[in-house]
Amino acid sequence: MDCYEAIAESWVEMMGVEDKDFIMRQIKQLGEGLGTFLGKEDVDKILSFGEDAEKEIEDSSLEKKMSSDRIAEKNKTKPK
């Protein structure tokens, strides 16, 4: 969890019910406003952007690990 998530979670815990309702109404209005300008496919792309970014980071980390494993394996099998 990064620092922004921790701040957001602590902020949400401190908020009252009225504050949460207000924020949810604002989110709903924003979504409805965007819906008038964007199509369903565009909204789906926006909503899945975070998931795609996380998957890309995971894939990159996996590739780096595999590469370092290959290098380590080559060093082990390299004749001295």
Protein backbone atom coordinates (compact mmCIF):
# COMPACT_ATOMS: atom_id res chain seq x y z
CA MET A 1 0.00 0.00 0.00
CA ASP A 2 1.43 3.36 -0.94
CA CYS A 3 1.20 6.50 1.18
CA TYR A 4 -1.71 7.91 -0.85
CA GLU A 5 -3.82 4.83 -0.21
CA ALA A 6 -3.05 5.00 3.50
CA ILE A 7 -4.04 8.67 3.62
CA ALA A 8 -7.25 7.99 1.69
CA GLU A 9 -8.20 5.10 3.95
CA SER A 10 -7.59 7.09 7.13
CA TRP A 11 -9.54 10.01 5.69
CA VAL A 12 -12.49 7.76 4.84
CA GLU A 13 -12.46 6.32 8.37
CA MET A 14 -12.66 9.83 9.86
CA MET A 15 -15.50 10.97 7.60
CA GLY A 16 -19.05 11.03 8.80
CA VAL A 17 -21.99 9.48 6.97
CA GLU A 18 -23.01 12.88 5.57
CA ASP A 19 -19.54 13.40 4.09
CA LYS A 20 -19.58 9.97 2.48
CA ASP A 21 -23.04 10.60 1.04
CA PHE A 22 -21.91 13.94 -0.36
CA ILE A 23 -18.86 12.39 -2.02
CA MET A 24 -20.93 9.55 -3.47
CA ARG A 25 -23.40 12.07 -4.91
CA GLN A 26 -20.50 14.00 -6.45
CA ILE A 27 -19.07 10.82 -7.97
CA LYS A 28 -22.48 9.87 -9.35
CA GLN A 29 -22.96 13.32 -10.90
CA LEU A 30 -19.48 13.22 -12.40
CA GLY A 31 -20.18 9.79 -13.86
CA GLU A 32 -23.46 10.93 -15.33
CA GLY A 33 -21.78 14.01 -16.82
CA LEU A 34 -19.02 11.94 -18.39
CA GLY A 35 -21.61 9.50 -19.67
CA THR A 36 -23.17 12.21 -21.80
CA PHE A 37 -19.83 12.87 -23.54
CA LEU A 38 -18.30 9.42 -23.67
CA GLY A 39 -19.50 6.12 -25.00
CA LYS A 40 -19.60 2.88 -23.01
CA GLU A 41 -16.33 1.65 -24.52
CA ASP A 42 -14.54 4.85 -23.52
CA VAL A 43 -15.84 4.63 -19.96
CA ASP A 44 -14.77 0.98 -19.75
CA LYS A 45 -11.27 1.92 -20.93
CA ILE A 46 -11.02 4.66 -18.32
CA LEU A 47 -12.23 2.38 -15.54
CA SER A 48 -9.84 -0.42 -16.49
CA PHE A 49 -6.83 1.88 -16.85
CA GLY A 50 -5.58 1.28 -13.30
CA GLU A 51 -5.88 -2.47 -13.67
CA ASP A 52 -3.97 -2.37 -16.96
CA ALA A 53 -1.20 -0.29 -15.40
CA GLU A 54 -0.87 -2.70 -12.47
CA LYS A 55 -0.71 -5.69 -14.82
CA GLU A 56 1.97 -3.97 -16.89
CA ILE A 57 4.05 -3.31 -13.76
CA GLU A 58 3.67 -6.94 -12.67
CA ASP A 59 4.67 -8.16 -16.14
CA SER A 60 7.73 -5.89 -16.12
CA SER A 61 8.78 -7.15 -12.69
CA LEU A 62 8.37 -10.75 -13.82
CA GLU A 63 10.48 -10.10 -16.94
CA LYS A 64 13.25 -8.52 -14.84
CA LYS A 65 13.25 -11.48 -12.44
CA MET A 66 13.36 -13.97 -15.29
CA SER A 67 16.22 -12.07 -16.90
CA SER A 68 18.23 -11.96 -13.69
CA ASP A 69 17.55 -15.68 -13.17
CA ARG A 70 18.87 -16.43 -16.68
CA ILE A 71 22.00 -14.38 -16.04
CA ALA A 72 22.57 -16.14 -12.73
CA GLU A 73 22.09 -19.52 -14.41
CA LYS A 74 24.59 -18.61 -17.17
CA ASN A 75 27.12 -17.57 -14.54
CA LYS A 76 26.69 -20.89 -12.74
CA THR A 77 27.18 -22.97 -15.90
CA LYS A 78 29.99 -20.82 -17.34
CA PRO A 79 33.30 -22.68 -17.29
CA LYS A 80 36.04 -21.03 -15.24
